[in-house]
Structures are given as C-alpha cells and as structure tokens.
C-alpha cells in the first residue's frame, strides 16, 4: 500500500476550485441514473409480476455496457465531445422511454434501461480515455463522484419509497436532473485540460485498430482487466438477486409486523454497499493499493458468505448490512486503483498511447462479467437455486 500527497493544479491547468468540483459533478451525474435504475429493479419487476427475473435488469444494464465498450474499440477516432453528446442523447432518450413505459410495457422498459446503461458507459469512457490530459487529482475527484452517485441514488430510492411515491415519479425525478448536470459540468471540466482533450485523444488512439495493438494492450493490462471483471461479476450479483433474496428472507422471518429496517432492507443493503464504494473511491487521492490480492481475496469471501446465507440463512440483518458495506469498500477500491494504475502519468509500464485502449478493454471485460452474472441470476432465480 502506498501513500501519495495531494497534488494541486498549476495555474495553466486551471484552479482546483473549478476543475475538481466539475470532475466530481461529472462522476456523480454520469453514474446516478445507473444507480437509480439498479435500486428500483426490485419494485420494477414486482410491478410486472416478474420478481424471480430481477436479473433481467442487471442483464439489460450489462448489455448496454458491452455494446458501448465493444463499439469503442472501433471508434477510436471519435472525439471526447462526440462521445459525451452521444451519452447525453442516450441518457435523455432512455429516461423518457423508461418514464413512459415503466408501469406498462416490460420489453420497452428493458430497452430504456439498455439506453441508460449505454449513456453511463459512453460518458465514463469519454472522460477516462483522456484522463492523462487533465490536472493531477481529476481521476480521484471523478471516482469520488461516482461513489457519491451510489449513495445519493440509493438514498433517493429509499426516501421516495418511504414517502410512497409512485414508480414513474421516482424514475423521472431520479434521471432527468442528472443529465442536465452532466451537460452543464462537462464544458468546465474540458476547459481544465492542459491541451485540447479531443486532439489528445486522436493523438493517443489512432483510428486504425490492429490485432497487434489489442494484443499489446491485453499483455499490458490483463491483470487489471481480470480484477475489474471479477469485481463487476460480484457487484452485479450482490446488487441484484442476492440483495433481493436477503430482503425476502428478512421479511418472511419478521412476522406480521416487520420493522422499518426490515421493510426497507433492500434499499439499506444497497445503500451500505454504495457507502463503502464512496469511501473507497474517495480515498484515491490519498491512498493507493499495489497488491490487489489484499482486495480481491476478502471480496470473494464476502460474496461466498452471502451466497451461503441465501441458501441457508444464518446472518442477522445487522451483519448483512455491515458485510454489504465491506463489499462496497472492496469493490470500490478495486475500481479506483485499477483505473489509477492504467492511467497514471508517471511510472506506468503501459504506454500513454495504449492507456485509453486498456481502459476500454477493462470496461469491456467488466461488462461481459456483469452480463454473465446477470444470466446466472436469471437462471438461478427462475430455477429456485437461490
């Protein structure tokens, strides 16, 4: 584990008073729609009478991420601004479609969720692909913003459920303001680059994609790609079927008058996870972890404990909350430190021209792992395995 001193921006990079809050807001607004949809997966599938197929929501989100990640491998000449515009278009279209169909047509709602997932993925890859051109510390603020999105989005789902808001209202309030915030903050963040990030992206990622370049990027970042993939597999399962099953078990054992915590245990479980993610991603500006085994071994252990609990309940609800928070802490640390290692300016064995490609490959691997996790959730839920 290494410790780094916070680095402030130079005048030529723009003051941190503007640049850093802009990156925090970008991470927040880019991810909050994704989190809101995840948090509303359970009531959404209940609305359609398909709770056993809750994995469809995470599957749709994984499909959107795979589509974007795979397409980015062949869109290397597309500027960052073009990707951001695409992200905004997908976000608005997805939010509009989901608002109109969430209580009526399941297939259309799934398409809307895919669009929302595409929006988040386009936004993330657009920013991260040019991260080396932004002030030092920008990545830490971005990851902190994505963690804050988890807390804010899940807290929003919890509060609106407690207030008795209908599903359509919860979706529209949770999605549309985020798109507006992203559109407002992107110009501020782009202005802080030490050179035009669109030109920098074109310089670092030539339009022609060859098998040699892909093979080289895989050799350079295969450990990070594997770590990110496993993290996404675990988070998709914990966030979806396992959390839903934990709530069902808590409710069934609580009797006729369940407590407030039991009634809202799903949202609290997800909130605990997102709180852990926020803490881990916010610490990147101060602490980095070199040995990923320190993260992945306990992450795997918490996943195994939850699977064992769902099959044969043994944990009190309080222990589930604490363990879910630990899962979020470990998964957030995996995400933040993998991105840092792939995009840092100094002491990086990955050539700067290959860094965006490595980030894209890591995102693709994570998306494929989330899709696999979602497929297994659908099968396990429909067959009664969990």
Foldseek 3Di string as FASTA:
>chain_A
DDWDAFDFFDVLLPGCVQQLVLLLLLLQLLQLLVLLLLLCLQVLCVLVVRNLLSLLLLLLLLVLLLVLLVVCLQPLLDFLVNLLVQLLVLLVVLLVQLLVPSNPDPVSNSVSSSSSSNSSNSSVLSCLLLVLQHGPPSLLSSQLSNLVSLLVSLVLSLVCVVVVHDPSVSSNVRRPVSSVSNVVSVVSNQSSGSDRSRVVSCVLAPNDRDPVLLVVLCVQQVVLLVLLQVLLLLCLLVSTDLLVLVLVVLVVVCPDDRDPCSVCVSSLLSSLLSNLLSVQSNCLSTDADDDLCVQVVVLVVLSVVSLVCSQPNDDDSVVSSNSSNSNSNSSSNSVNNSSCQLQPDPPHPDDSSSSSVSVSSSSSSNSVSSSVSSVVSSVCSVVVVD
